[in-house]
N, C-alpha and C. Protein backbone atom coordinates (compact mmCIF):
# COMPACT_ATOMS: atom_id res chain seq x y z
N MET A 1 342.04 135.13 193.61
CA MET A 1 341.78 136.39 194.34
C MET A 1 342.94 137.27 193.48
N SER A 2 342.55 138.59 193.61
CA SER A 2 342.98 139.39 192.59
C SER A 2 344.06 140.65 193.39
N LEU A 3 344.93 140.59 192.86
CA LEU A 3 346.16 141.59 193.41
C LEU A 3 346.31 142.79 192.58
N LYS A 4 345.42 143.12 191.89
CA LYS A 4 345.59 144.39 191.07
C LYS A 4 345.29 145.63 191.85
N LYS A 5 345.17 145.93 192.94
CA LYS A 5 345.12 147.07 193.79
C LYS A 5 346.50 147.14 194.77
N LEU A 6 347.21 146.03 194.79
CA LEU A 6 348.70 145.95 195.63
C LEU A 6 349.40 146.77 195.32
N ARG A 7 350.01 147.74 196.13
CA ARG A 7 350.80 148.77 195.79
C ARG A 7 352.00 148.38 196.94
N ILE A 8 352.11 148.13 197.80
CA ILE A 8 353.29 147.56 198.69
C ILE A 8 353.29 146.20 199.01
N LEU A 9 354.50 145.79 198.55
CA LEU A 9 354.97 144.26 198.66
C LEU A 9 356.00 144.19 199.60
N ALA A 10 356.07 143.65 200.88
CA ALA A 10 357.00 143.18 201.77
C ALA A 10 357.48 141.90 201.83
N LEU A 11 358.76 141.54 201.18
CA LEU A 11 359.18 140.20 201.12
C LEU A 11 360.75 140.24 201.84
N GLY A 12 360.84 140.96 202.76
CA GLY A 12 362.20 140.70 203.18
C GLY A 12 362.49 139.60 203.88
N ARG A 13 363.72 138.95 203.91
CA ARG A 13 363.85 137.87 204.97
C ARG A 13 363.29 136.92 204.42
N ASN A 14 362.98 136.40 203.11
CA ASN A 14 362.60 135.36 202.64
C ASN A 14 363.03 134.22 201.82
N MET A 15 364.60 134.67 201.46
CA MET A 15 365.36 133.46 201.09
C MET A 15 365.14 133.51 199.67
N ILE A 16 364.45 134.98 198.97
CA ILE A 16 364.43 134.89 197.85
C ILE A 16 365.74 134.89 196.92
N LYS A 17 365.47 134.70 195.60
CA LYS A 17 366.71 134.53 194.94
C LYS A 17 366.42 135.33 193.46
N THR A 18 365.31 135.46 192.99
CA THR A 18 365.12 135.98 191.81
C THR A 18 363.44 137.12 192.04
N PHE A 19 363.38 137.62 191.16
CA PHE A 19 362.01 138.53 190.84
C PHE A 19 361.12 137.86 189.95
N THR A 20 361.32 136.69 189.76
CA THR A 20 360.20 135.91 189.09
C THR A 20 359.12 135.85 189.58
N GLY A 21 358.08 136.19 188.76
CA GLY A 21 356.75 135.72 189.44
C GLY A 21 355.95 137.04 189.68
N LEU A 22 356.70 138.24 189.72
CA LEU A 22 356.34 139.46 190.18
C LEU A 22 355.67 140.18 188.86
N GLU A 23 355.52 139.72 187.71
CA GLU A 23 355.20 140.33 186.35
C GLU A 23 353.59 140.67 186.67
N PRO A 24 352.68 139.92 187.25
CA PRO A 24 351.17 140.37 187.24
C PRO A 24 351.15 141.76 188.02
N LEU A 25 352.05 141.78 188.61
CA LEU A 25 352.01 143.17 189.46
C LEU A 25 352.51 144.48 188.94
N GLY A 26 352.98 144.55 187.63
CA GLY A 26 353.92 145.02 186.81
C GLY A 26 353.04 146.46 186.88
N ASP A 27 351.66 146.43 186.64
CA ASP A 27 350.77 147.76 186.03
C ASP A 27 350.21 148.49 187.58
N CYS A 28 350.73 147.67 189.04
CA CYS A 28 350.04 148.33 190.18
C CYS A 28 351.21 148.62 191.30
N LEU A 29 351.95 147.87 191.43
CA LEU A 29 353.03 147.76 192.61
C LEU A 29 353.87 148.96 192.32
N GLU A 30 353.95 150.15 193.81
CA GLU A 30 354.55 150.88 193.84
C GLU A 30 355.63 150.88 194.67
N GLU A 31 355.88 150.04 195.57
CA GLU A 31 356.76 149.91 196.41
C GLU A 31 357.21 148.18 196.98
N LEU A 32 358.59 147.78 196.45
CA LEU A 32 358.78 146.70 196.84
C LEU A 32 360.08 146.78 198.06
N TRP A 33 359.70 145.76 199.07
CA TRP A 33 360.72 145.75 200.34
C TRP A 33 361.04 144.40 199.86
N ILE A 34 362.37 144.31 199.59
CA ILE A 34 362.84 142.95 199.23
C ILE A 34 364.30 142.41 199.74
N SER A 35 364.43 143.17 200.75
CA SER A 35 365.83 143.51 201.46
C SER A 35 366.39 142.32 202.17
N TYR A 36 367.54 141.72 202.44
CA TYR A 36 367.89 140.63 203.11
C TYR A 36 367.48 139.49 202.72
N ASN A 37 367.97 139.17 201.37
CA ASN A 37 367.14 138.00 200.86
C ASN A 37 368.67 137.37 199.89
N PHE A 38 368.45 136.88 198.73
CA PHE A 38 369.67 136.07 197.82
C PHE A 38 369.51 136.93 196.74
N ILE A 39 369.43 137.81 196.14
CA ILE A 39 369.22 138.22 194.68
C ILE A 39 370.21 138.84 194.27
N GLU A 40 370.92 137.97 193.41
CA GLU A 40 371.94 138.44 192.58
C GLU A 40 371.68 139.04 191.31
N LYS A 41 370.56 138.54 190.44
CA LYS A 41 370.27 139.35 189.08
C LYS A 41 369.01 139.91 189.63
N THR A 42 368.97 141.08 188.41
CA THR A 42 367.81 141.47 188.79
C THR A 42 366.85 141.34 187.43
N LYS A 43 367.17 140.35 186.63
CA LYS A 43 366.16 140.46 185.54
C LYS A 43 364.42 140.10 185.79
N GLY A 44 364.27 140.86 185.28
CA GLY A 44 362.57 140.66 185.66
C GLY A 44 361.93 141.90 186.43
N ILE A 45 362.78 142.67 186.82
CA ILE A 45 362.54 143.84 187.65
C ILE A 45 361.94 145.13 186.82
N GLY A 46 362.18 144.81 185.62
CA GLY A 46 361.71 146.03 184.44
C GLY A 46 360.41 145.98 184.29
N SER A 47 359.54 144.83 184.66
CA SER A 47 358.19 144.65 184.60
C SER A 47 357.30 145.26 185.38
N LEU A 48 357.89 145.70 186.40
CA LEU A 48 357.14 146.82 187.28
C LEU A 48 357.17 148.34 186.94
N LYS A 49 356.39 148.67 186.20
CA LYS A 49 356.36 149.83 185.46
C LYS A 49 356.09 151.05 186.39
N LYS A 50 355.16 150.82 187.31
CA LYS A 50 354.58 151.76 188.26
C LYS A 50 355.78 151.52 189.64
N LEU A 51 356.77 151.20 189.75
CA LEU A 51 357.40 150.76 190.98
C LEU A 51 358.21 152.29 191.26
N LYS A 52 357.90 152.91 192.48
CA LYS A 52 358.75 154.07 192.62
C LYS A 52 359.48 153.67 194.02
N VAL A 53 359.84 152.93 194.89
CA VAL A 53 360.15 152.47 195.72
C VAL A 53 360.88 151.21 195.91
N LEU A 54 362.05 150.94 196.00
CA LEU A 54 362.71 149.55 195.92
C LEU A 54 363.75 149.54 197.01
N TYR A 55 363.57 148.82 197.97
CA TYR A 55 364.21 148.59 199.24
C TYR A 55 364.86 147.22 198.91
N MET A 56 366.29 147.22 198.32
CA MET A 56 366.94 145.69 198.29
C MET A 56 368.35 145.81 199.01
N CYS A 57 368.31 146.51 200.18
CA CYS A 57 369.85 146.38 200.68
C CYS A 57 369.97 144.78 201.00
N HIS A 58 371.24 144.55 201.29
CA HIS A 58 371.83 143.28 202.11
C HIS A 58 371.41 142.20 201.00
N ASN A 59 371.26 142.27 199.56
CA ASN A 59 371.19 140.88 198.70
C ASN A 59 372.51 140.44 198.51
N SER A 60 372.58 140.06 196.94
CA SER A 60 373.94 139.52 196.45
C SER A 60 374.32 139.79 195.08
N VAL A 61 374.26 141.23 194.95
CA VAL A 61 374.16 141.97 193.50
C VAL A 61 375.72 142.12 193.66
N LYS A 62 376.57 141.53 192.41
CA LYS A 62 377.84 141.61 192.26
C LYS A 62 378.26 142.39 191.23
N GLU A 63 377.30 142.70 190.14
CA GLU A 63 377.56 143.33 188.90
C GLU A 63 377.05 144.52 188.64
N TRP A 64 377.50 145.63 188.23
CA TRP A 64 377.01 146.89 187.64
C TRP A 64 376.15 146.85 186.68
N GLY A 65 375.92 145.74 185.69
CA GLY A 65 375.11 145.52 184.91
C GLY A 65 373.85 145.36 185.32
N GLU A 66 373.58 145.02 186.57
CA GLU A 66 372.34 144.40 186.98
C GLU A 66 371.61 145.85 187.38
N LEU A 67 372.25 146.89 187.67
CA LEU A 67 371.73 148.33 187.97
C LEU A 67 371.05 148.82 186.61
N ASN A 68 371.38 148.32 185.32
CA ASN A 68 370.89 148.88 183.99
C ASN A 68 369.57 148.27 184.06
N LYS A 69 369.21 147.25 184.32
CA LYS A 69 367.99 146.54 184.47
C LYS A 69 367.07 147.17 185.51
N ILE A 70 367.35 147.30 186.60
CA ILE A 70 366.85 148.33 187.68
C ILE A 70 366.35 149.78 186.74
N ASN A 71 367.19 150.34 186.11
CA ASN A 71 366.76 151.47 185.50
C ASN A 71 365.52 151.39 184.55
N ASP A 72 365.17 150.19 183.88
CA ASP A 72 363.90 150.06 183.22
C ASP A 72 362.59 150.05 183.77
N CYS A 73 362.98 150.61 185.26
CA CYS A 73 361.53 150.67 185.88
C CYS A 73 361.43 152.39 185.78
N PRO A 74 360.38 152.95 185.03
CA PRO A 74 360.53 154.46 184.31
C PRO A 74 360.50 155.24 185.69
N VAL A 75 359.60 154.90 186.90
CA VAL A 75 358.98 156.12 187.70
C VAL A 75 359.99 155.74 189.12
N LEU A 76 361.12 154.87 189.36
CA LEU A 76 361.80 154.61 190.35
C LEU A 76 362.64 155.67 190.80
N GLU A 77 362.27 156.34 192.12
CA GLU A 77 362.73 157.46 192.52
C GLU A 77 363.45 157.29 193.93
N ASP A 78 363.43 155.95 194.36
CA ASP A 78 363.98 155.98 195.96
C ASP A 78 364.45 154.43 195.98
N LEU A 79 365.72 154.45 196.43
CA LEU A 79 366.40 152.81 196.10
C LEU A 79 367.24 152.85 197.55
N VAL A 80 367.02 151.54 198.02
CA VAL A 80 367.92 151.30 199.29
C VAL A 80 369.09 150.06 198.70
N PHE A 81 369.90 150.22 198.47
CA PHE A 81 370.92 149.08 197.91
C PHE A 81 372.27 149.02 198.77
N CYS A 82 372.45 149.59 199.74
CA CYS A 82 373.55 149.23 200.77
C CYS A 82 373.66 147.69 201.13
N GLY A 83 374.62 147.21 201.38
CA GLY A 83 374.86 145.95 201.81
C GLY A 83 375.07 144.86 200.56
N ASN A 84 374.97 145.36 199.55
CA ASN A 84 375.18 144.35 198.29
C ASN A 84 376.87 144.37 198.10
N PRO A 85 377.46 143.03 197.65
CA PRO A 85 378.70 142.75 197.53
C PRO A 85 379.26 143.99 196.39
N ILE A 86 378.41 144.24 195.56
CA ILE A 86 378.96 145.49 194.40
C ILE A 86 379.41 146.62 195.12
N VAL A 87 379.08 147.08 196.13
CA VAL A 87 379.21 148.31 197.02
C VAL A 87 380.06 147.98 198.10
N GLU A 88 380.57 147.14 198.74
CA GLU A 88 381.50 146.73 199.60
C GLU A 88 382.73 147.48 199.91
N ASN A 89 383.50 147.65 198.49
CA ASN A 89 384.79 148.16 198.55
C ASN A 89 384.61 149.40 197.93
N LEU A 90 383.91 150.14 197.92
CA LEU A 90 383.85 151.49 197.28
C LEU A 90 383.49 152.51 198.46
N GLU A 91 384.33 153.76 198.27
CA GLU A 91 383.82 154.62 199.13
C GLU A 91 382.75 155.39 198.89
N GLU A 92 382.00 155.65 200.00
CA GLU A 92 380.49 156.34 199.87
C GLU A 92 380.23 157.23 198.88
N SER A 93 381.27 158.31 198.55
CA SER A 93 380.98 159.35 197.61
C SER A 93 380.89 158.64 196.43
N ALA A 94 382.08 157.70 195.98
CA ALA A 94 382.00 157.06 194.83
C ALA A 94 380.86 156.10 194.23
N TYR A 95 380.36 155.61 195.57
CA TYR A 95 378.95 154.56 195.42
C TYR A 95 377.83 155.41 194.94
N ARG A 96 377.78 156.79 195.25
CA ARG A 96 376.51 157.47 195.42
C ARG A 96 376.67 158.03 193.74
N VAL A 97 378.19 158.26 193.25
CA VAL A 97 378.14 159.13 191.77
C VAL A 97 377.82 158.13 190.74
N GLU A 98 378.09 156.65 191.18
CA GLU A 98 378.26 155.39 190.52
C GLU A 98 376.60 154.88 189.90
N ILE A 99 376.08 155.21 191.29
CA ILE A 99 374.58 154.71 191.29
C ILE A 99 373.79 155.81 190.31
N LYS A 100 373.92 157.23 190.77
CA LYS A 100 373.17 158.28 190.14
C LYS A 100 373.60 158.23 188.81
N LYS A 101 374.93 157.82 188.03
CA LYS A 101 375.41 157.73 186.75
C LYS A 101 374.29 156.42 185.75
N ARG A 102 374.33 155.55 186.84
CA ARG A 102 373.37 154.35 186.21
C ARG A 102 371.97 154.52 186.46
N LEU A 103 371.53 155.16 186.94
CA LEU A 103 370.03 155.52 187.74
C LEU A 103 369.46 157.03 187.30
N PRO A 104 369.83 157.90 186.63
CA PRO A 104 369.73 159.11 186.53
C PRO A 104 368.51 159.87 187.26
N ARG A 105 367.50 158.73 187.32
CA ARG A 105 366.07 159.58 187.46
C ARG A 105 365.97 159.30 188.95
N LEU A 106 366.75 158.51 189.54
CA LEU A 106 366.85 158.57 191.14
C LEU A 106 366.81 160.01 191.77
N LYS A 107 365.94 159.87 193.16
CA LYS A 107 365.61 161.19 193.73
C LYS A 107 366.60 160.82 195.06
N LYS A 108 366.29 159.79 195.65
CA LYS A 108 366.62 159.14 197.19
C LYS A 108 367.54 157.96 196.86
N LEU A 109 368.70 157.84 197.69
CA LEU A 109 369.46 156.67 197.88
C LEU A 109 370.02 156.25 199.44
N ASP A 110 369.41 155.07 199.59
CA ASP A 110 369.81 154.56 201.12
C ASP A 110 369.31 155.72 202.09
N GLY A 111 368.00 156.35 201.93
CA GLY A 111 367.70 157.39 202.50
C GLY A 111 367.98 158.67 202.68
N GLU A 112 368.70 159.18 201.83
CA GLU A 112 369.28 160.33 201.61
C GLU A 112 368.91 160.96 200.31
N VAL A 113 368.41 162.13 200.28
CA VAL A 113 368.13 162.60 198.71
C VAL A 113 369.80 163.21 198.40
N LEU A 114 369.45 162.58 196.83
CA LEU A 114 370.46 162.85 196.03
C LEU A 114 370.69 164.12 195.25
N PRO A 115 371.65 164.85 195.21
CA PRO A 115 371.62 166.34 194.33
C PRO A 115 371.31 166.10 193.17
N GLU A 116 370.34 166.94 192.40
CA GLU A 116 370.02 166.97 190.97
C GLU A 116 371.16 166.94 190.16
């Protein structure tokens, strides 16, 4: 079975811990819905070169460096990231500034349009 035309993949609430195995979808996947899992590291996400939308709220990301790997997705414009441990103790405005600084191409965060 070929997945070369797969554009949207919904994997929420599947106890997933890594992005391993998604590499073959790098040239086609545009949206990845992977919220409510156990992802702590974002290694491998950069292979998804067509990814525009990443919903990964309520995972286990604890380090800001993991966002640098997300920035390897060259066309990513919409991210849902709330509920990760890294943002729990931040004011919303500080959170938005930090994300925008690390992901400058991002247009939308947690469902809200980001200022240019």
